[in-house]
Protein backbone atom coordinates (compact mmCIF):
# COMPACT_ATOMS: atom_id res chain seq x y z
CA MET A 1 -0.32 -0.16 0.12
CA SER A 2 1.35 3.23 -0.60
CA ASP A 3 0.29 7.14 -2.08
CA GLU A 4 2.69 9.71 -3.05
CA ARG A 5 -0.03 11.69 -3.96
CA PRO A 6 -0.76 15.31 -2.28
CA ALA A 7 -3.39 16.36 -0.21
CA GLN A 8 -7.05 16.55 -2.35
CA THR A 9 -10.60 17.61 -1.97
CA HIS A 10 -13.51 16.68 -3.94
CA SER A 11 -13.25 19.19 -6.24
CA THR A 12 -9.92 17.82 -7.60
CA MET A 13 -10.17 14.05 -7.26
CA LEU A 14 -12.28 14.03 -10.99
CA THR A 15 -9.17 14.70 -12.55
CA ARG A 16 -7.54 10.85 -12.56
CA ARG A 17 -10.56 9.81 -15.14
CA SER A 18 -6.96 9.45 -17.21
CA PHE A 19 -6.53 6.52 -15.42
CA LEU A 20 -9.42 4.91 -15.51
CA THR A 21 -9.35 3.98 -19.25
CA THR A 22 -6.82 1.75 -18.45
CA THR A 23 -7.94 0.60 -15.49
CA GLY A 24 -11.35 -1.01 -15.87
CA GLY A 25 -13.52 2.48 -16.05
CA ALA A 26 -16.68 1.16 -16.07
CA ALA A 27 -16.39 1.17 -12.22
CA ALA A 28 -16.88 4.94 -12.01
CA GLY A 29 -19.83 4.70 -14.43
CA LEU A 30 -21.41 2.74 -11.84
CA THR A 31 -25.39 4.03 -11.57
CA LEU A 32 -25.99 5.33 -7.96
CA ALA A 33 -29.61 5.65 -8.34
CA ASP A 34 -30.39 2.04 -7.30
CA MET A 35 -28.23 2.10 -4.62
CA LEU A 36 -29.12 4.99 -3.68
CA ALA A 37 -33.32 4.58 -3.44
CA ALA A 38 -33.33 1.87 -1.16
CA ARG A 39 -32.46 3.45 1.88
CA GLN A 40 -34.66 6.67 2.86
CA ALA A 41 -32.33 8.83 6.04
CA PRO A 42 -33.71 10.62 9.12
CA ALA A 43 -35.70 14.10 7.99
CA GLN A 44 -33.45 15.74 10.45
CA ILE A 45 -29.94 15.38 8.67
CA LYS A 46 -31.71 17.41 5.60
CA GLY A 47 -30.38 20.60 4.95
CA THR A 48 -26.91 20.50 7.34
CA ASN A 49 -23.47 19.94 6.36
CA LEU A 50 -21.26 16.57 6.51
CA ARG A 51 -17.37 17.12 6.60
CA LEU A 52 -15.37 13.91 5.71
CA LEU A 53 -11.78 12.63 5.84
CA ILE A 54 -10.37 9.93 4.45
CA TRP A 55 -7.36 8.82 2.81
CA SER A 56 -6.43 8.90 -0.83
CA HIS A 57 -6.92 5.34 -1.90
CA TYR A 58 -3.75 3.70 -3.93
CA VAL A 59 -6.39 2.41 -6.57
CA PRO A 60 -7.57 6.51 -8.06
CA ALA A 61 -10.67 4.87 -9.58
CA TYR A 62 -12.16 4.57 -6.54
CA ASP A 63 -11.68 7.90 -5.11
CA VAL A 64 -13.31 8.66 -8.25
CA TRP A 65 -16.14 6.60 -7.68
CA PHE A 66 -16.16 7.40 -3.45
CA ASP A 67 -16.42 11.04 -4.41
CA LYS A 68 -19.08 10.18 -6.76
CA PHE A 69 -21.46 8.35 -4.39
CA ALA A 70 -20.64 10.81 -1.59
CA LYS A 71 -22.07 13.71 -3.65
CA GLU A 72 -25.11 11.82 -4.89
CA TRP A 73 -25.40 10.43 -1.61
CA GLY A 74 -25.13 14.21 -0.17
CA ASP A 75 -27.87 14.92 -3.47
CA LYS A 76 -30.65 12.38 -1.86
CA ASN A 77 -30.41 13.11 1.43
CA GLY A 78 -30.29 17.12 1.22
CA VAL A 79 -26.73 16.93 3.04
CA LYS A 80 -23.77 19.05 1.67
CA VAL A 81 -20.74 16.93 1.67
CA ARG A 82 -17.12 17.42 1.59
CA VAL A 83 -14.61 14.92 1.02
CA ASP A 84 -10.95 15.74 2.07
CA HIS A 85 -8.76 13.02 0.84
CA ILE A 86 -5.01 13.02 2.33
CA PRO A 87 -1.97 10.50 1.59
CA HIS A 88 -2.84 7.40 4.75
CA LEU A 89 0.56 8.81 6.20
CA GLU A 90 -0.11 12.25 7.12
CA LEU A 91 -3.34 11.36 9.08
CA PRO A 92 -1.87 9.79 12.19
CA ALA A 93 -1.20 14.04 12.52
CA ARG A 94 -4.05 15.18 11.24
CA TYR A 95 -5.90 12.91 14.36
CA ALA A 96 -4.00 14.73 16.78
CA ALA A 97 -4.81 18.46 15.68
CA GLU A 98 -8.20 17.23 15.60
CA PHE A 99 -8.25 16.26 19.00
CA ALA A 100 -6.44 19.03 20.32
CA ALA A 101 -8.16 21.68 19.11
CA GLY A 102 -11.67 19.99 19.90
CA ALA A 103 -12.74 20.67 16.54
CA GLY A 104 -12.43 19.16 12.83
CA HIS A 105 -14.14 16.71 10.27
CA ASP A 106 -17.28 15.31 11.09
CA LEU A 107 -16.64 11.40 10.07
CA MET A 108 -13.06 10.25 10.04
CA TYR A 109 -10.74 6.68 8.18
CA PHE A 110 -8.29 5.07 9.74
CA ALA A 111 -6.37 3.36 7.32
CA GLY A 112 -3.08 1.68 7.62
CA GLN A 113 -2.79 2.66 11.29
CA ILE A 114 -5.57 1.74 13.48
CA LEU A 115 -5.65 3.82 16.45
CA THR A 116 -8.98 3.25 17.25
CA GLY A 117 -7.82 1.93 20.82
CA GLN A 118 -6.14 5.41 21.23
CA TYR A 119 -8.34 7.77 20.91
CA TYR A 120 -11.88 5.72 21.85
CA ARG A 121 -12.93 7.75 24.82
CA ASN A 122 -12.98 10.47 22.63
CA LEU A 123 -15.10 8.51 19.87
CA VAL A 124 -18.63 7.67 19.48
CA ASP A 125 -20.12 4.19 20.35
CA LEU A 126 -20.78 2.82 17.09
CA SER A 127 -22.21 -0.46 18.70
CA ASP A 128 -25.94 -0.41 17.37
CA LEU A 129 -24.95 0.59 13.44
CA ALA A 130 -22.13 -2.23 13.41
CA GLU A 131 -24.35 -4.64 15.19
CA GLY A 132 -26.76 -3.72 12.50
CA LEU A 133 -24.18 -4.64 9.84
CA GLY A 134 -23.43 -7.58 11.57
CA LYS A 135 -26.91 -9.17 11.51
CA LYS A 136 -27.94 -7.94 8.26
CA TYR A 137 -24.59 -9.07 5.99
CA GLY A 138 -23.33 -12.17 7.90
CA GLY A 139 -21.73 -11.65 10.65
CA TRP A 140 -18.74 -9.99 10.90
CA LEU A 141 -14.83 -12.02 10.68
CA ASP A 142 -13.25 -12.00 13.80
CA ALA A 143 -10.67 -9.44 13.00
CA ALA A 144 -13.46 -7.06 12.55
CA ARG A 145 -14.28 -6.78 16.21
CA SER A 146 -9.85 -6.75 16.69
CA ALA A 147 -9.54 -3.11 14.56
CA ALA A 148 -13.05 -1.45 15.92
CA GLN A 149 -13.82 -2.58 19.47
CA VAL A 150 -12.30 -1.59 22.86
CA GLY A 151 -13.79 -3.93 26.08
CA GLY A 152 -17.05 -5.35 23.46
CA ARG A 153 -17.85 -1.84 22.34
CA TRP A 154 -17.40 -1.08 18.68
CA TYR A 155 -15.92 2.86 18.46
CA ALA A 156 -15.46 2.18 14.81
CA VAL A 157 -16.92 0.66 12.13
CA PRO A 158 -14.91 -1.84 9.64
CA ASP A 159 -14.59 -0.62 6.16
CA PHE A 160 -12.51 -2.84 4.47
CA PHE A 161 -8.70 -4.66 4.72
CA ILE A 162 -6.27 -4.35 2.26
CA SER A 163 -4.47 -7.81 1.55
CA ILE A 164 -0.95 -8.18 0.85
CA PRO A 165 0.00 -11.20 -1.01
CA VAL A 166 3.47 -11.93 -2.79
CA LEU A 167 3.40 -10.47 -6.26
CA TRP A 168 6.42 -12.89 -8.39
CA ARG A 169 7.59 -12.57 -12.21
CA LYS A 170 6.88 -15.57 -13.77
CA ASP A 171 9.27 -15.75 -16.48
CA LEU A 172 12.51 -14.50 -13.64
CA PHE A 173 11.68 -18.10 -11.76
CA ALA A 174 11.64 -19.90 -15.15
CA SER A 175 15.22 -18.36 -15.37
CA VAL A 176 16.79 -20.62 -12.43
CA GLY A 177 14.24 -23.49 -12.98
CA MET A 178 11.58 -22.31 -10.14
CA GLY A 179 7.86 -22.80 -10.64
CA GLU A 180 5.18 -20.90 -7.94
CA PRO A 181 7.08 -20.40 -4.72
CA LYS A 182 5.07 -22.79 -1.96
CA THR A 183 7.50 -21.56 0.66
CA TRP A 184 9.43 -18.11 2.45
CA GLU A 185 12.56 -20.92 1.41
CA ASP A 186 11.10 -20.52 -2.44
CA LEU A 187 11.18 -16.77 -2.10
CA ARG A 188 14.60 -16.57 -0.37
CA LYS A 189 16.11 -19.19 -2.79
CA ALA A 190 14.59 -17.27 -5.94
CA ALA A 191 15.90 -14.24 -4.54
CA GLY A 192 19.28 -15.60 -3.84
CA GLN A 193 20.03 -17.33 -7.48
CA LEU A 194 17.95 -14.01 -9.32
CA LYS A 195 20.16 -10.93 -7.53
CA ALA A 196 23.43 -12.54 -8.94
CA LYS A 197 21.16 -11.79 -12.43
CA GLY A 198 20.19 -8.56 -11.99
CA HIS A 199 16.90 -9.54 -10.21
CA PRO A 200 17.26 -9.28 -6.28
CA THR A 201 14.02 -8.83 -4.32
CA GLY A 202 13.08 -6.22 -1.99
CA MET A 203 11.18 -5.65 2.09
CA GLN A 204 11.41 -2.39 3.90
CA PHE A 205 13.25 -2.04 6.57
CA SER A 206 11.76 1.31 7.16
CA HIS A 207 9.15 3.09 9.06
CA CYS A 208 6.20 2.93 6.56
CA ASN A 209 3.40 0.66 6.98
CA ASP A 210 4.30 -1.96 4.95
CA ALA A 211 7.76 -2.40 7.36
CA ASN A 212 5.22 -3.28 10.39
CA HIS A 213 2.65 -6.02 7.52
CA ASN A 214 5.56 -7.55 5.71
CA TRP A 215 7.41 -8.93 8.72
CA ARG A 216 4.79 -9.97 11.19
CA ALA A 217 3.86 -11.91 7.60
CA LEU A 218 6.85 -13.72 7.89
CA MET A 219 6.38 -14.03 11.85
CA TYR A 220 3.31 -15.60 12.04
CA CYS A 221 4.30 -17.99 9.39
CA TYR A 222 7.46 -18.70 11.45
CA GLY A 223 4.45 -19.25 14.31
CA VAL A 224 5.23 -16.04 16.26
CA LYS A 225 2.67 -15.46 18.42
CA GLU A 226 2.88 -11.47 19.85
CA THR A 227 0.48 -12.15 22.29
CA ASP A 228 -1.48 -14.90 23.78
CA PRO A 229 -5.33 -15.16 22.42
CA SER A 230 -6.94 -12.77 25.29
CA GLY A 231 -3.83 -9.55 24.16
CA GLN A 232 -3.08 -9.07 27.53
CA ASN A 233 -0.01 -11.26 27.56
CA ILE A 234 2.82 -10.78 25.38
CA THR A 235 4.22 -13.80 23.69
CA ILE A 236 7.10 -12.59 21.13
CA ASP A 237 10.00 -13.70 23.46
CA SER A 238 10.23 -17.12 21.54
CA LYS A 239 12.59 -19.75 19.85
CA GLU A 240 10.14 -18.96 16.54
CA MET A 241 10.75 -15.09 17.33
CA ARG A 242 14.57 -16.19 16.99
CA GLU A 243 14.28 -18.06 13.74
CA ALA A 244 12.15 -15.00 11.60
CA LEU A 245 15.05 -12.57 12.40
CA LYS A 246 17.82 -15.07 11.49
CA PHE A 247 15.61 -16.33 8.74
CA ALA A 248 15.36 -12.61 7.21
CA LYS A 249 18.94 -12.01 7.93
CA ALA A 250 19.35 -14.65 5.58
CA MET A 251 17.20 -13.56 2.76
CA TYR A 252 18.13 -9.82 2.79
CA ASP A 253 21.95 -10.62 2.30
CA GLU A 254 21.47 -13.16 -0.01
CA GLY A 255 18.36 -11.77 -2.26
CA MET A 256 18.34 -7.89 -1.51
CA THR A 257 20.82 -4.49 -1.42
CA PRO A 258 20.87 -1.89 0.57
CA GLU A 259 18.48 0.30 -0.88
CA VAL A 260 15.77 -1.01 1.08
CA PHE A 261 16.53 0.99 3.89
CA SER A 262 15.55 3.99 3.02
CA TRP A 263 11.86 2.50 1.39
CA ASP A 264 8.68 3.74 2.17
CA ASP A 265 5.37 1.90 0.61
CA ALA A 266 5.81 3.41 -2.83
CA SER A 267 9.07 1.52 -3.79
CA ASP A 268 8.40 -1.54 -3.84
CA ASN A 269 5.20 -1.22 -6.36
CA ARG A 270 8.43 1.13 -8.63
CA PHE A 271 10.25 -2.23 -7.63
CA LEU A 272 8.36 -4.34 -9.46
CA ALA A 273 7.29 -1.83 -12.31
CA SER A 274 10.79 -1.07 -12.77
CA GLY A 275 11.33 -4.94 -14.18
CA VAL A 276 14.22 -5.22 -11.78
CA ALA A 277 12.10 -7.64 -9.01
CA SER A 278 12.01 -10.80 -8.87
CA TRP A 279 8.85 -10.67 -6.27
CA ILE A 280 7.34 -8.15 -3.57
CA HIS A 281 5.57 -8.78 -1.07
CA ASP A 282 2.82 -5.97 -1.46
CA ALA A 283 -0.72 -4.93 -1.89
CA ILE A 284 -1.93 -5.61 -5.63
CA SER A 285 -1.87 -2.08 -5.87
CA ALA A 286 1.79 -2.89 -7.36
CA PHE A 287 0.34 -4.96 -9.10
CA HIS A 288 -2.42 -2.49 -11.07
CA SER A 289 -0.09 -0.08 -11.23
CA THR A 290 2.39 -2.03 -13.03
CA ARG A 291 -0.55 -3.32 -15.05
CA VAL A 292 -0.64 0.82 -16.55
CA THR A 293 3.24 1.26 -16.35
CA ASN A 294 4.69 -1.24 -17.77
CA PRO A 295 2.47 -3.90 -19.46
CA LYS A 296 5.17 -6.42 -20.19
CA VAL A 297 6.21 -6.84 -16.74
CA PHE A 298 2.81 -6.94 -16.18
CA GLU A 299 2.08 -9.93 -18.31
CA GLN A 300 4.83 -11.83 -16.45
CA THR A 301 3.66 -11.34 -12.77
CA PHE A 302 1.48 -13.72 -11.07
CA VAL A 303 0.08 -13.39 -7.54
CA VAL A 304 -0.10 -16.04 -4.81
CA PRO A 305 -1.92 -15.47 -1.63
CA GLU A 306 1.37 -15.96 0.81
CA VAL A 307 3.67 -18.80 1.37
CA ALA A 308 3.83 -21.27 4.08
CA GLY A 309 6.44 -20.92 7.08
CA PRO A 310 7.59 -23.92 9.71
CA GLY A 311 4.11 -22.16 11.40
CA GLY A 312 2.02 -22.28 8.98
CA THR A 313 0.41 -19.64 6.45
CA TRP A 314 -0.46 -16.42 7.89
CA ASN A 315 -1.17 -13.59 5.58
CA VAL A 316 -1.42 -10.03 7.41
CA GLY A 317 -3.74 -7.83 6.32
CA GLU A 318 -4.52 -4.03 6.63
CA PRO A 319 -7.77 -3.21 8.43
CA ASN A 320 -9.44 0.25 8.00
CA VAL A 321 -12.42 1.52 9.74
CA TRP A 322 -14.68 5.06 9.99
CA ALA A 323 -14.66 6.49 13.16
CA ILE A 324 -16.21 9.38 14.87
CA TRP A 325 -15.32 12.05 17.17
CA LYS A 326 -17.76 13.01 20.19
CA PHE A 327 -17.03 16.69 19.00
CA SER A 328 -18.72 16.32 14.95
CA LYS A 329 -21.32 18.59 14.55
CA ASN A 330 -23.47 16.42 12.43
CA VAL A 331 -23.24 12.57 14.03
CA PRO A 332 -26.16 11.70 12.50
CA ALA A 333 -25.26 12.32 8.85
CA ALA A 334 -21.52 10.57 10.06
CA LYS A 335 -24.01 7.90 10.82
CA GLU A 336 -26.09 7.29 8.15
CA PHE A 337 -22.90 7.85 5.54
CA ILE A 338 -21.27 5.07 6.78
CA GLN A 339 -24.78 2.60 6.79
CA GLY A 340 -24.81 4.03 2.40
CA ILE A 341 -21.34 2.93 2.50
CA ALA A 342 -21.58 -0.13 3.65
CA ASP A 343 -24.55 -1.32 1.98
CA ASN A 344 -22.53 -0.86 -1.39
CA GLN A 345 -19.08 -2.56 -0.78
CA LYS A 346 -19.69 -4.94 -3.68
CA GLU A 347 -19.74 -1.50 -6.00
CA ALA A 348 -17.05 -0.25 -3.53
CA MET A 349 -15.07 -3.66 -4.43
CA GLN A 350 -15.44 -3.10 -8.49
CA ALA A 351 -14.18 0.30 -8.43
CA SER A 352 -11.08 -0.27 -6.10
CA LEU A 353 -10.13 -3.12 -8.64
CA GLY A 354 -10.77 -5.81 -6.04
CA TYR A 355 -8.13 -3.96 -3.58
CA ASN A 356 -11.03 -3.74 -0.95
CA MET A 357 -11.61 -6.74 1.37
CA PRO A 358 -14.25 -6.88 2.92
CA PHE A 359 -14.68 -7.60 6.78
CA LEU A 360 -18.66 -8.71 6.33
CA ARG A 361 -19.03 -12.53 5.82
CA GLY A 362 -22.22 -12.25 3.24
CA GLN A 363 -19.57 -10.44 0.80
CA TYR A 364 -17.38 -13.60 0.55
CA ALA A 365 -20.03 -14.66 -2.07
CA LYS A 366 -18.24 -16.00 -5.15
CA PRO A 367 -17.87 -14.71 -7.65
CA MET A 368 -16.65 -11.99 -5.59
CA PRO A 369 -16.60 -7.91 -7.44
CA TYR A 370 -13.54 -7.81 -9.82
CA LEU A 371 -11.73 -10.51 -8.33
CA GLY A 372 -14.16 -13.33 -9.52
CA ASN A 373 -13.27 -12.19 -13.00
CA ASP A 374 -9.64 -12.07 -13.07
CA ALA A 375 -7.53 -15.19 -13.82
CA LYS A 376 -4.31 -13.68 -11.81
CA LEU A 377 -6.48 -12.60 -8.65
CA GLY A 378 -9.28 -15.09 -8.89
CA LYS A 379 -7.11 -17.18 -5.72
CA LEU A 380 -7.45 -14.16 -3.39
CA GLN A 381 -11.50 -14.49 -2.66
CA ASP A 382 -10.66 -17.13 -0.47
CA GLN A 383 -7.86 -14.63 1.52
CA GLU A 384 -10.20 -13.67 4.95
CA LYS A 385 -8.87 -18.10 5.46
CA ILE A 386 -5.74 -16.66 6.13
CA THR A 387 -5.63 -13.20 7.10
CA ALA A 388 -3.78 -12.48 11.02
CA PHE A 389 -3.79 -8.72 11.97
CA LEU A 390 -1.80 -6.48 14.00
CA GLY A 391 -1.07 -8.25 17.65
CA PHE A 392 -1.92 -11.97 16.40
CA PRO A 393 -3.31 -13.98 17.82
CA GLY A 394 -4.65 -12.07 20.17
CA PRO A 395 -7.17 -8.66 19.33
CA MET A 396 -5.22 -5.82 18.58
CA THR A 397 -5.57 -3.41 21.80
CA PRO A 398 -4.43 -0.06 22.22
CA PRO A 399 -1.03 -1.37 23.31
CA ALA A 400 -0.83 -3.45 20.52
CA GLN A 401 -1.67 -0.67 18.21
CA GLU A 402 1.03 1.63 19.98
CA VAL A 403 3.94 -1.18 19.11
CA VAL A 404 2.63 -0.85 15.38
CA THR A 405 2.65 3.21 15.24
CA THR A 406 6.43 3.00 17.36
CA PHE A 407 7.83 0.72 14.61
CA ILE A 408 9.43 -2.02 17.14
CA ILE A 409 9.10 -5.25 14.90
CA PRO A 410 10.77 -3.59 11.84
CA ASP A 411 13.31 -1.99 14.02
CA MET A 412 14.01 -5.68 15.46
CA PHE A 413 14.30 -6.44 11.55
CA THR A 414 16.10 -3.96 10.59
CA ARG A 415 19.10 -4.11 13.53
CA VAL A 416 19.66 -8.02 12.74
CA ALA A 417 19.88 -7.06 9.14
CA ARG A 418 22.23 -4.43 9.53
CA GLY A 419 24.43 -7.11 11.42
CA GLY A 420 23.39 -6.80 15.10
CA ALA A 421 23.01 -9.40 17.10
CA ILE A 422 20.09 -11.74 17.62
CA GLU A 423 19.71 -11.73 21.80
CA ASP A 424 21.09 -7.85 21.76
CA THR A 425 17.62 -7.25 19.36
CA MET A 426 15.32 -9.12 21.20
CA LYS A 427 16.70 -7.69 24.80
CA TRP A 428 15.73 -4.26 23.40
CA GLY A 429 12.97 -5.23 21.54
CA VAL A 430 10.54 -7.03 23.85
CA GLY A 431 11.37 -4.44 26.58
CA GLU A 432 10.42 -2.07 24.27
CA ILE A 433 7.25 -4.25 23.85
CA ARG A 434 6.84 -4.47 27.41
CA ARG A 435 7.12 -1.33 28.52
CA ILE A 436 4.62 -0.33 26.34
CA TYR A 437 2.32 -3.17 27.78
CA ALA A 438 2.88 -2.25 31.41
CA LYS A 439 1.93 1.41 30.15
CA HIS A 440 -1.38 0.64 29.62
CA LYS A 441 -1.96 -1.26 32.24
CA ALA A 442 -1.20 1.07 34.69
CA SER A 443 -3.76 3.90 32.93
């Protein structure tokens, strides 16, 4: 997942239609009248304003669809909707500023870094809305509660999660006598052989969202458990974590170059599209951008939902959730908008070119929007069965969320990759994590 675009608002988002001509432009031409006609919003929201803060989606086709949806929803319900899109890495600073000021957007979006646990005391309890959606659409995936609940109450409503599969070059693997990778060892072996041919791999050793989920995918596949199922007890100090660090060091030494220490979330996208990468571990935004910018490379790029390790097969998804400040000036309209977008998740997933993976179980009927009609991406239709989230196997508790935002896990892998001793790294990392959990228990 990545986004290098500057902050944009509704009035500028519609300039991206050129992208749609090459990425399934029909998604932006959806007729919303039928979608909106089924629900009648309460009369008291008519004549009001709704300010909405959301990330700049990495598939521009989705932002075009979303802005069109927001405008037509507003027109139907008599609400003047303003949509502000900003890059996802700028969102935490915006949340902090609005919290400090006690004023800002009515409806906001936690993307990548889920801060429900940090701000829940200042968020509207949305349990009635979330429970109603669960009943309507076959129930929530268990991970939805991890991202949106604190103490059993819903202080956010899950929108979708981002799947992070393996994107690999079939032609390059074939050049060293290998087929589709099945295990992390396959990926290490391929990267080691292909680096000598000018085609290394790369995973971010840096402070970005990709680093947080990529190294956790390796950890979980190695059997690492960040906490126990309750989420209260830290279990990362284990043989499995040491083995994951050892493997990552070998994979870096054999198959990567030092540039990965300065990579951001967009770097692996560019790396794949350049034709240099043998494989990357990233969202399908990289798949779609390569399709546009380097069709020859795209022809040879294929997708594996996840590869296996000694502890099984676990992909790590990035959740995205809606939340409403208690100081919002228009809570009723904000809640109605969440209901409206949730009622149109199939159209949203189609507009995102299969990027938006649903949290509601009823949305997994096959064929799924977009994925079910793409020969390469169709295998992602069962992704929810192997998806874990930050803090696994425990819930994404407030301390688990702080561990994510402080990038302790990527820093542990970085220290070892740069030559640091595994035991020294474990002592530092486990100490930092315990400090965070102890602080939250004392508060």
